Amino acid sequence: KGGQGERVYSTKGHAITLSAFGGGIGAKTGMYLVDGRVRRLHPEECRRLMGFPEDFYFHRSRNVSFKLFGNSVIVPVVSKIFHNIERSLFKKNLKAA
């Protein structure tokens, strides 16, 4: 098969897309080669990848946490998009006034 959940990725590149669903042991977070060992990401690492704040509250179930991260969006990206839309609308309103 060779799906995302069955591949081992390098820590030197970009992280893979977190997924809410999928097959294989690394389906939701991917598997990474770290110090000669293959491992999945921890919820804390997923939180950092997605740009959530340090005090973000996790669901007590790791599997639910991984699923929620897989269904989420990257917080800083959404924030930047929102601020650009807001700035554009503000400029448009100033020109109309």
PDB file of N, CA and C in Angstrom:
ATOM      1  N   LYS A   1       0.824  -1.197   0.000  1.00  0.00           N
ATOM      2  CA  LYS A   1       0.000   0.000   0.000  1.00  0.00           C
ATOM      3  C   LYS A   1       0.863   1.254   0.000  1.00  0.00           C
ATOM      4  N   GLY A   2       1.603   1.485   1.059  1.00  0.00           N
ATOM      5  CA  GLY A   2       2.471   2.648   1.129  1.00  0.00           C
ATOM      6  C   GLY A   2       1.763   3.953   1.399  1.00  0.00           C
ATOM      7  N   GLY A   3       0.638   3.914   2.125  1.00  0.00           N
ATOM      8  CA  GLY A   3      -0.083   5.134   2.459  1.00  0.00           C
ATOM      9  C   GLY A   3       0.655   5.963   3.497  1.00  0.00           C
ATOM     10  N   GLN A   4       0.147   7.153   3.744  1.00  0.00           N
ATOM     11  CA  GLN A   4       0.764   8.079   4.691  1.00  0.00           C
ATOM     12  C   GLN A   4       1.006   7.431   6.051  1.00  0.00           C
ATOM     13  N   GLY A   5       0.082   6.611   6.517  1.00  0.00           N
ATOM     14  CA  GLY A   5       0.214   5.982   7.824  1.00  0.00           C
ATOM     15  C   GLY A   5       1.207   4.853   7.884  1.00  0.00           C
ATOM     16  N   GLU A   6       1.774   4.486   6.733  1.00  0.00           N
ATOM     17  CA  GLU A   6       2.735   3.385   6.684  1.00  0.00           C
ATOM     18  C   GLU A   6       4.138   3.846   6.309  1.00  0.00           C
ATOM     19  N   ARG A   7       4.321   5.129   6.071  1.00  0.00           N
ATOM     20  CA  ARG A   7       5.626   5.653   5.680  1.00  0.00           C
ATOM     21  C   ARG A   7       6.356   6.214   6.895  1.00  0.00           C
ATOM     22  N   VAL A   8       7.679   6.251   6.792  1.00  0.00           N
ATOM     23  CA  VAL A   8       8.509   6.861   7.833  1.00  0.00           C
ATOM     24  C   VAL A   8       9.132   8.114   7.225  1.00  0.00           C
ATOM     25  N   TYR A   9       8.979   9.232   7.920  1.00  0.00           N
ATOM     26  CA  TYR A   9       9.431  10.528   7.423  1.00  0.00           C
ATOM     27  C   TYR A   9      10.650  11.013   8.200  1.00  0.00           C
ATOM     28  N   SER A  10      11.400  11.915   7.581  1.00  0.00           N
ATOM     29  CA  SER A  10      12.570  12.508   8.213  1.00  0.00           C
ATOM     30  C   SER A  10      12.152  13.718   9.045  1.00  0.00           C
ATOM     31  N   THR A  11      12.833  13.929  10.151  1.00  0.00           N
ATOM     32  CA  THR A  11      12.580  15.120  10.966  1.00  0.00           C
ATOM     33  C   THR A  11      13.249  16.356  10.364  1.00  0.00           C
ATOM     34  N   LYS A  12      14.038  16.176   9.325  1.00  0.00           N
ATOM     35  CA  LYS A  12      14.735  17.300   8.703  1.00  0.00           C
ATOM     36  C   LYS A  12      13.873  18.037   7.676  1.00  0.00           C
ATOM     37  N   GLY A  13      12.748  17.454   7.301  1.00  0.00           N
ATOM     38  CA  GLY A  13      11.862  18.089   6.328  1.00  0.00           C
ATOM     39  C   GLY A  13      10.639  18.673   7.001  1.00  0.00           C
ATOM     40  N   HIS A  14       9.652  18.988   6.186  1.00  0.00           N
ATOM     41  CA  HIS A  14       8.384  19.497   6.698  1.00  0.00           C
ATOM     42  C   HIS A  14       7.582  18.361   7.315  1.00  0.00           C
ATOM     43  N   ALA A  15       6.750  18.688   8.268  1.00  0.00           N
ATOM     44  CA  ALA A  15       5.839  17.696   8.853  1.00  0.00           C
ATOM     45  C   ALA A  15       4.758  17.370   7.834  1.00  0.00           C
ATOM     46  N   ILE A  16       4.227  16.165   7.922  1.00  0.00           N
ATOM     47  CA  ILE A  16       3.140  15.792   7.024  1.00  0.00           C
ATOM     48  C   ILE A  16       1.841  16.409   7.530  1.00  0.00           C
ATOM     49  N   THR A  17       0.830  16.378   6.704  1.00  0.00           N
ATOM     50  CA  THR A  17      -0.491  16.858   7.095  1.00  0.00           C
ATOM     51  C   THR A  17      -1.070  15.950   8.163  1.00  0.00           C
ATOM     52  N   LEU A  18      -1.514  16.531   9.270  1.00  0.00           N
ATOM     53  CA  LEU A  18      -2.180  15.738  10.299  1.00  0.00           C
ATOM     54  C   LEU A  18      -3.545  15.336   9.765  1.00  0.00           C
ATOM     55  N   SER A  19      -3.944  14.114  10.065  1.00  0.00           N
ATOM     56  CA  SER A  19      -5.168  13.571   9.485  1.00  0.00           C
ATOM     57  C   SER A  19      -6.105  13.069  10.572  1.00  0.00           C
ATOM     58  N   ALA A  20      -7.391  13.294  10.389  1.00  0.00           N
ATOM     59  CA  ALA A  20      -8.381  12.804  11.348  1.00  0.00           C
ATOM     60  C   ALA A  20      -8.658  11.324  11.136  1.00  0.00           C
ATOM     61  N   PHE A  21      -8.447  10.837   9.938  1.00  0.00           N
ATOM     62  CA  PHE A  21      -8.754   9.446   9.603  1.00  0.00           C
ATOM     63  C   PHE A  21      -7.595   8.837   8.833  1.00  0.00           C
ATOM     64  N   GLY A  22      -7.664   7.559   8.614  1.00  0.00           N
ATOM     65  CA  GLY A  22      -6.668   6.884   7.794  1.00  0.00           C
ATOM     66  C   GLY A  22      -6.243   5.578   8.422  1.00  0.00           C
ATOM     67  N   GLY A  23      -5.536   4.789   7.649  1.00  0.00           N
ATOM     68  CA  GLY A  23      -5.086   3.489   8.126  1.00  0.00           C
ATOM     69  C   GLY A  23      -3.592   3.468   8.383  1.00  0.00           C
ATOM     70  N   GLY A  24      -3.161   2.483   9.103  1.00  0.00           N
ATOM     71  CA  GLY A  24      -1.748   2.338   9.426  1.00  0.00           C
ATOM     72  C   GLY A  24      -1.442   2.936  10.780  1.00  0.00           C
ATOM     73  N   ILE A  25      -0.348   2.501  11.366  1.00  0.00           N
ATOM     74  CA  ILE A  25       0.000   2.919  12.731  1.00  0.00           C
ATOM     75  C   ILE A  25       0.267   4.420  12.835  1.00  0.00           C
ATOM     76  N   GLY A  26       0.745   5.037  11.775  1.00  0.00           N
ATOM     77  CA  GLY A  26       1.032   6.466  11.816  1.00  0.00           C
ATOM     78  C   GLY A  26       0.040   7.298  11.032  1.00  0.00           C
ATOM     79  N   ALA A  27      -1.177   6.812  10.890  1.00  0.00           N
ATOM     80  CA  ALA A  27      -2.161   7.452  10.008  1.00  0.00           C
ATOM     81  C   ALA A  27      -2.458   8.896  10.371  1.00  0.00           C
ATOM     82  N   LYS A  28      -2.600   9.213  11.631  1.00  0.00           N
ATOM     83  CA  LYS A  28      -3.026  10.561  12.019  1.00  0.00           C
ATOM     84  C   LYS A  28      -1.870  11.552  12.098  1.00  0.00           C
ATOM     85  N   THR A  29      -0.677  11.093  12.510  1.00  0.00           N
ATOM     86  CA  THR A  29       0.445  12.012  12.704  1.00  0.00           C
ATOM     87  C   THR A  29       1.630  11.728  11.806  1.00  0.00           C
ATOM     88  N   GLY A  30       1.670  10.567  11.196  1.00  0.00           N
ATOM     89  CA  GLY A  30       2.860  10.140  10.471  1.00  0.00           C
ATOM     90  C   GLY A  30       3.847   9.529  11.446  1.00  0.00           C
ATOM     91  N   MET A  31       4.826   8.842  10.917  1.00  0.00           N
ATOM     92  CA  MET A  31       5.889   8.258  11.741  1.00  0.00           C
ATOM     93  C   MET A  31       7.201   8.902  11.316  1.00  0.00           C
ATOM     94  N   TYR A  32       8.045   9.181  12.289  1.00  0.00           N
ATOM     95  CA  TYR A  32       9.293   9.882  12.039  1.00  0.00           C
ATOM     96  C   TYR A  32      10.466   9.095  12.599  1.00  0.00           C
ATOM     97  N   LEU A  33      11.604   9.179  11.905  1.00  0.00           N
ATOM     98  CA  LEU A  33      12.828   8.541  12.365  1.00  0.00           C
ATOM     99  C   LEU A  33      13.563   9.536  13.256  1.00  0.00           C
ATOM    100  N   VAL A  34      13.666   9.205  14.548  1.00  0.00           N
ATOM    101  CA  VAL A  34      14.299  10.080  15.535  1.00  0.00           C
ATOM    102  C   VAL A  34      15.334   9.263  16.298  1.00  0.00           C
ATOM    103  N   ASP A  35      16.602   9.650  16.195  1.00  0.00           N
ATOM    104  CA  ASP A  35      17.691   8.956  16.890  1.00  0.00           C
ATOM    105  C   ASP A  35      17.669   7.451  16.629  1.00  0.00           C
ATOM    106  N   GLY A  36      17.451   7.083  15.383  1.00  0.00           N
ATOM    107  CA  GLY A  36      17.469   5.677  15.004  1.00  0.00           C
ATOM    108  C   GLY A  36      16.215   4.893  15.353  1.00  0.00           C
ATOM    109  N   ARG A  37      15.214   5.558  15.907  1.00  0.00           N
ATOM    110  CA  ARG A  37      13.955   4.893  16.269  1.00  0.00           C
ATOM    111  C   ARG A  37      12.801   5.532  15.507  1.00  0.00           C
ATOM    112  N   VAL A  38      11.816   4.719  15.175  1.00  0.00           N
ATOM    113  CA  VAL A  38      10.622   5.216  14.500  1.00  0.00           C
ATOM    114  C   VAL A  38       9.562   5.493  15.556  1.00  0.00           C
ATOM    115  N   ARG A  39       8.973   6.693  15.506  1.00  0.00           N
ATOM    116  CA  ARG A  39       7.931   7.022  16.479  1.00  0.00           C
ATOM    117  C   ARG A  39       6.906   7.964  15.874  1.00  0.00           C
ATOM    118  N   ARG A  40       5.739   8.004  16.513  1.00  0.00           N
ATOM    119  CA  ARG A  40       4.675   8.932  16.126  1.00  0.00           C
ATOM    120  C   ARG A  40       4.838  10.228  16.917  1.00  0.00           C
ATOM    121  N   LEU A  41       4.133  11.244  16.488  1.00  0.00           N
ATOM    122  CA  LEU A  41       4.145  12.507  17.226  1.00  0.00           C
ATOM    123  C   LEU A  41       3.293  12.387  18.485  1.00  0.00           C
ATOM    124  N   HIS A  42       3.628  13.176  19.486  1.00  0.00           N
ATOM    125  CA  HIS A  42       2.828  13.284  20.705  1.00  0.00           C
ATOM    126  C   HIS A  42       1.818  14.416  20.507  1.00  0.00           C
ATOM    127  N   PRO A  43       0.732  14.425  21.273  1.00  0.00           N
ATOM    128  CA  PRO A  43      -0.238  15.526  21.142  1.00  0.00           C
ATOM    129  C   PRO A  43       0.403  16.909  21.294  1.00  0.00           C
ATOM    130  N   GLU A  44       1.394  17.035  22.189  1.00  0.00           N
ATOM    131  CA  GLU A  44       2.056  18.326  22.389  1.00  0.00           C
ATOM    132  C   GLU A  44       2.754  18.784  21.111  1.00  0.00           C
ATOM    133  N   GLU A  45       3.356  17.839  20.390  1.00  0.00           N
ATOM    134  CA  GLU A  45       4.033  18.180  19.139  1.00  0.00           C
ATOM    135  C   GLU A  45       3.015  18.583  18.070  1.00  0.00           C
ATOM    136  N   CYS A  46       1.889  17.904  18.045  1.00  0.00           N
ATOM    137  CA  CYS A  46       0.817  18.268  17.102  1.00  0.00           C
ATOM    138  C   CYS A  46       0.302  19.667  17.412  1.00  0.00           C
ATOM    139  N   ARG A  47       0.149  19.981  18.697  1.00  0.00           N
ATOM    140  CA  ARG A  47      -0.308  21.311  19.109  1.00  0.00           C
ATOM    141  C   ARG A  47       0.640  22.377  18.574  1.00  0.00           C
ATOM    142  N   ARG A  48       1.943  22.138  18.712  1.00  0.00           N
ATOM    143  CA  ARG A  48       2.924  23.112  18.230  1.00  0.00           C
ATOM    144  C   ARG A  48       2.864  23.258  16.707  1.00  0.00           C
ATOM    145  N   LEU A  49       2.758  22.128  16.008  1.00  0.00           N
ATOM    146  CA  LEU A  49       2.680  22.177  14.543  1.00  0.00           C
ATOM    147  C   LEU A  49       1.483  22.987  14.067  1.00  0.00           C
ATOM    148  N   MET A  50       0.383  22.875  14.783  1.00  0.00           N
ATOM    149  CA  MET A  50      -0.854  23.542  14.383  1.00  0.00           C
ATOM    150  C   MET A  50      -0.937  24.975  14.891  1.00  0.00           C
ATOM    151  N   GLY A  51       0.032  25.402  15.702  1.00  0.00           N
ATOM    152  CA  GLY A  51       0.079  26.783  16.159  1.00  0.00           C
ATOM    153  C   GLY A  51      -0.835  27.113  17.321  1.00  0.00           C
ATOM    154  N   PHE A  52      -1.290  26.091  18.046  1.00  0.00           N
ATOM    155  CA  PHE A  52      -2.133  26.349  19.214  1.00  0.00           C
ATOM    156  C   PHE A  52      -1.269  26.867  20.360  1.00  0.00           C
ATOM    157  N   PRO A  53      -1.840  27.666  21.272  1.00  0.00           N
ATOM    158  CA  PRO A  53      -1.060  28.226  22.379  1.00  0.00           C
ATOM    159  C   PRO A  53      -0.579  27.148  23.348  1.00  0.00           C
ATOM    160  N   GLU A  54       0.458  27.487  24.099  1.00  0.00           N
ATOM    161  CA  GLU A  54       1.056  26.545  25.060  1.00  0.00           C
ATOM    162  C   GLU A  54       0.050  26.045  26.087  1.00  0.00           C
ATOM    163  N   ASP A  55      -0.926  26.863  26.446  1.00  0.00           N
ATOM    164  CA  ASP A  55      -1.896  26.467  27.477  1.00  0.00           C
ATOM    165  C   ASP A  55      -3.131  25.782  26.879  1.00  0.00           C
ATOM    166  N   PHE A  56      -3.043  25.357  25.622  1.00  0.00           N
ATOM    167  CA  PHE A  56      -4.170  24.689  24.973  1.00  0.00           C
ATOM    168  C   PHE A  56      -4.533  23.415  25.729  1.00  0.00           C
ATOM    169  N   TYR A  57      -5.828  23.215  25.961  1.00  0.00           N
ATOM    170  CA  TYR A  57      -6.321  22.056  26.704  1.00  0.00           C
ATOM    171  C   TYR A  57      -6.563  20.898  25.743  1.00  0.00           C
ATOM    172  N   PHE A  58      -5.961  19.752  26.039  1.00  0.00           N
ATOM    173  CA  PHE A  58      -6.140  18.544  25.233  1.00  0.00           C
ATOM    174  C   PHE A  58      -7.312  17.730  25.748  1.00  0.00           C
ATOM    175  N   HIS A  59      -7.944  17.000  24.843  1.00  0.00           N
ATOM    176  CA  HIS A  59      -8.925  15.994  25.259  1.00  0.00           C
ATOM    177  C   HIS A  59      -8.156  14.904  26.003  1.00  0.00           C
ATOM    178  N   ARG A  60      -8.757  14.285  26.995  1.00  0.00           N
ATOM    179  CA  ARG A  60      -8.025  13.282  27.785  1.00  0.00           C
ATOM    180  C   ARG A  60      -7.675  12.030  26.983  1.00  0.00           C
ATOM    181  N   SER A  61      -8.372  11.801  25.868  1.00  0.00           N
ATOM    182  CA  SER A  61      -8.064  10.666  24.996  1.00  0.00           C
ATOM    183  C   SER A  61      -7.080  11.111  23.916  1.00  0.00           C
ATOM    184  N   ARG A  62      -5.939  10.440  23.826  1.00  0.00           N
ATOM    185  CA  ARG A  62      -4.950  10.770  22.791  1.00  0.00           C
ATOM    186  C   ARG A  62      -5.556  10.629  21.398  1.00  0.00           C
ATOM    187  N   ASN A  63      -6.325   9.549  21.182  1.00  0.00           N
ATOM    188  CA  ASN A  63      -6.910   9.327  19.860  1.00  0.00           C
ATOM    189  C   ASN A  63      -7.865  10.449  19.473  1.00  0.00           C
ATOM    190  N   VAL A  64      -8.663  10.904  20.430  1.00  0.00           N
ATOM    191  CA  VAL A  64      -9.581  12.019  20.146  1.00  0.00           C
ATOM    192  C   VAL A  64      -8.775  13.285  19.864  1.00  0.00           C
ATOM    193  N   SER A  65      -7.715  13.521  20.632  1.00  0.00           N
ATOM    194  CA  SER A  65      -6.859  14.692  20.395  1.00  0.00           C
ATOM    195  C   SER A  65      -6.292  14.665  18.982  1.00  0.00           C
ATOM    196  N   PHE A  66      -5.766  13.515  18.561  1.00  0.00           N
ATOM    197  CA  PHE A  66      -5.205  13.403  17.214  1.00  0.00           C
ATOM    198  C   PHE A  66      -6.271  13.664  16.154  1.00  0.00           C
ATOM    199  N   LYS A  67      -7.470  13.132  16.368  1.00  0.00           N
ATOM    200  CA  LYS A  67      -8.557  13.334  15.410  1.00  0.00           C
ATOM    201  C   LYS A  67      -8.930  14.818  15.331  1.00  0.00           C
ATOM    202  N   LEU A  68      -8.994  15.479  16.489  1.00  0.00           N
ATOM    203  CA  LEU A  68      -9.329  16.907  16.506  1.00  0.00           C
ATOM    204  C   LEU A  68      -8.264  17.738  15.800  1.00  0.00           C
ATOM    205  N   PHE A  69      -6.989  17.413  16.022  1.00  0.00           N
ATOM    206  CA  PHE A  69      -5.927  18.129  15.311  1.00  0.00           C
ATOM    207  C   PHE A  69      -6.031  17.891  13.810  1.00  0.00           C
ATOM    208  N   GLY A  70      -6.366  16.658  13.424  1.00  0.00           N
ATOM    209  CA  GLY A  70      -6.516  16.339  12.006  1.00  0.00           C
ATOM    210  C   GLY A  70      -7.668  17.072  11.345  1.00  0.00           C
ATOM    211  N   ASN A  71      -8.672  17.452  12.130  1.00  0.00           N
ATOM    212  CA  ASN A  71      -9.824  18.197  11.607  1.00  0.00           C
ATOM    213  C   ASN A  71      -9.648  19.702  11.751  1.00  0.00           C
ATOM    214  N   SER A  72      -8.523  20.127  12.278  1.00  0.00           N
ATOM    215  CA  SER A  72      -8.306  21.534  12.583  1.00  0.00           C
ATOM    216  C   SER A  72      -7.626  22.264  11.424  1.00  0.00           C
ATOM    217  N   VAL A  73      -7.385  23.527  11.648  1.00  0.00           N
ATOM    218  CA  VAL A  73      -6.628  24.364  10.716  1.00  0.00           C
ATOM    219  C   VAL A  73      -5.447  24.952  11.475  1.00  0.00           C
ATOM    220  N   ILE A  74      -4.454  25.426  10.760  1.00  0.00           N
ATOM    221  CA  ILE A  74      -3.275  25.995  11.403  1.00  0.00           C
ATOM    222  C   ILE A  74      -3.624  27.408  11.866  1.00  0.00           C
ATOM    223  N   VAL A  75      -3.601  27.601  13.165  1.00  0.00           N
ATOM    224  CA  VAL A  75      -4.083  28.832  13.796  1.00  0.00           C
ATOM    225  C   VAL A  75      -3.407  30.092  13.247  1.00  0.00           C
ATOM    226  N   PRO A  76      -2.071  30.168  13.158  1.00  0.00           N
ATOM    227  CA  PRO A  76      -1.460  31.398  12.644  1.00  0.00           C
ATOM    228  C   PRO A  76      -1.848  31.714  11.195  1.00  0.00           C
ATOM    229  N   VAL A  77      -2.091  30.692  10.390  1.00  0.00           N
ATOM    230  CA  VAL A  77      -2.488  30.925   8.995  1.00  0.00           C
ATOM    231  C   VAL A  77      -3.875  31.556   8.943  1.00  0.00           C
ATOM    232  N   VAL A  78      -4.811  31.006   9.710  1.00  0.00           N
ATOM    233  CA  VAL A  78      -6.168  31.555   9.742  1.00  0.00           C
ATOM    234  C   VAL A  78      -6.147  32.975  10.298  1.00  0.00           C
ATOM    235  N   SER A  79      -5.341  33.200  11.314  1.00  0.00           N
ATOM    236  CA  SER A  79      -5.228  34.535  11.905  1.00  0.00           C
ATOM    237  C   SER A  79      -4.711  35.541  10.873  1.00  0.00           C
ATOM    238  N   LYS A  80      -3.698  35.156  10.122  1.00  0.00           N
ATOM    239  CA  LYS A  80      -3.131  36.045   9.099  1.00  0.00           C
ATOM    240  C   LYS A  80      -4.164  36.345   8.007  1.00  0.00           C
ATOM    241  N   ILE A  81      -4.893  35.319   7.577  1.00  0.00           N
ATOM    242  CA  ILE A  81      -5.934  35.523   6.561  1.00  0.00           C
ATOM    243  C   ILE A  81      -6.987  36.502   7.076  1.00  0.00           C
ATOM    244  N   PHE A  82      -7.440  36.283   8.321  1.00  0.00           N
ATOM    245  CA  PHE A  82      -8.453  37.162   8.908  1.00  0.00           C
ATOM    246  C   PHE A  82      -7.959  38.608   8.969  1.00  0.00           C
ATOM    247  N   HIS A  83      -6.721  38.798   9.427  1.00  0.00           N
ATOM    248  CA  HIS A  83      -6.196  40.159   9.551  1.00  0.00           C
ATOM    249  C   HIS A  83      -6.045  40.828   8.184  1.00  0.00           C
ATOM    250  N   ASN A  84      -5.674  40.062   7.158  1.00  0.00           N
ATOM    251  CA  ASN A  84      -5.574  40.639   5.812  1.00  0.00           C
ATOM    252  C   ASN A  84      -6.945  41.033   5.276  1.00  0.00           C
ATOM    253  N   ILE A  85      -7.956  40.209   5.527  1.00  0.00           N
ATOM    254  CA  ILE A  85      -9.326  40.551   5.113  1.00  0.00           C
ATOM    255  C   ILE A  85      -9.792  41.795   5.855  1.00  0.00           C
ATOM    256  N   GLU A  86      -9.546  41.823   7.162  1.00  0.00           N
ATOM    257  CA  GLU A  86      -9.942  42.971   7.982  1.00  0.00           C
ATOM    258  C   GLU A  86      -9.264  44.250   7.489  1.00  0.00           C
ATOM    259  N   ARG A  87      -7.970  44.167   7.204  1.00  0.00           N
ATOM    260  CA  ARG A  87      -7.220  45.338   6.730  1.00  0.00           C
ATOM    261  C   ARG A  87      -7.763  45.813   5.380  1.00  0.00           C
ATOM    262  N   SER A  88      -8.061  44.865   4.506  1.00  0.00           N
ATOM    263  CA  SER A  88      -8.605  45.204   3.191  1.00  0.00           C
ATOM    264  C   SER A  88      -9.968  45.890   3.317  1.00  0.00           C
ATOM    265  N   LEU A  89     -10.829  45.364   4.173  1.00  0.00           N
ATOM    266  CA  LEU A  89     -12.147  45.969   4.380  1.00  0.00           C
ATOM    267  C   LEU A  89     -12.028  47.347   5.012  1.00  0.00           C
ATOM    268  N   PHE A  90     -11.086  47.508   5.946  1.00  0.00           N
ATOM    269  CA  PHE A  90     -10.880  48.794   6.601  1.00  0.00           C
ATOM    270  C   PHE A  90     -10.434  49.839   5.576  1.00  0.00           C
ATOM    271  N   LYS A  91      -9.497  49.463   4.689  1.00  0.00           N
ATOM    272  CA  LYS A  91      -9.033  50.388   3.651  1.00  0.00           C
ATOM    273  C   LYS A  91     -10.175  50.762   2.709  1.00  0.00           C
ATOM    274  N   LYS A  92     -10.995  49.775   2.357  1.00  0.00           N
ATOM    275  CA  LYS A  92     -12.127  50.018   1.456  1.00  0.00           C
ATOM    276  C   LYS A  92     -13.115  50.985   2.106  1.00  0.00           C
ATOM    277  N   ASN A  93     -13.369  50.823   3.406  1.00  0.00           N
ATOM    278  CA  ASN A  93     -14.286  51.711   4.125  1.00  0.00           C
ATOM    279  C   ASN A  93     -13.728  53.125   4.221  1.00  0.00           C
ATOM    280  N   LEU A  94     -12.404  53.259   4.382  1.00  0.00           N
ATOM    281  CA  LEU A  94     -11.796  54.592   4.432  1.00  0.00           C
ATOM    282  C   LEU A  94     -11.954  55.314   3.095  1.00  0.00           C
ATOM    283  N   LYS A  95     -11.789  54.586   1.982  1.00  0.00           N
ATOM    284  CA  LYS A  95     -11.927  55.194   0.657  1.00  0.00           C
ATOM    285  C   LYS A  95     -13.367  55.615   0.386  1.00  0.00           C
ATOM    286  N   ALA A  96     -14.320  54.848   0.901  1.00  0.00           N
ATOM    287  CA  ALA A  96     -15.740  55.142   0.677  1.00  0.00           C
ATOM    288  C   ALA A  96     -16.211  56.325   1.513  1.00  0.00           C
ATOM    289  N   ALA A  97     -15.509  56.628   2.594  1.00  0.00           N
ATOM    290  CA  ALA A  97     -15.950  57.698   3.506  1.00  0.00           C
ATOM    291  C   ALA A  97     -15.618  59.071   3.010  1.00  0.00           C
TER     292      ALA A  97
END
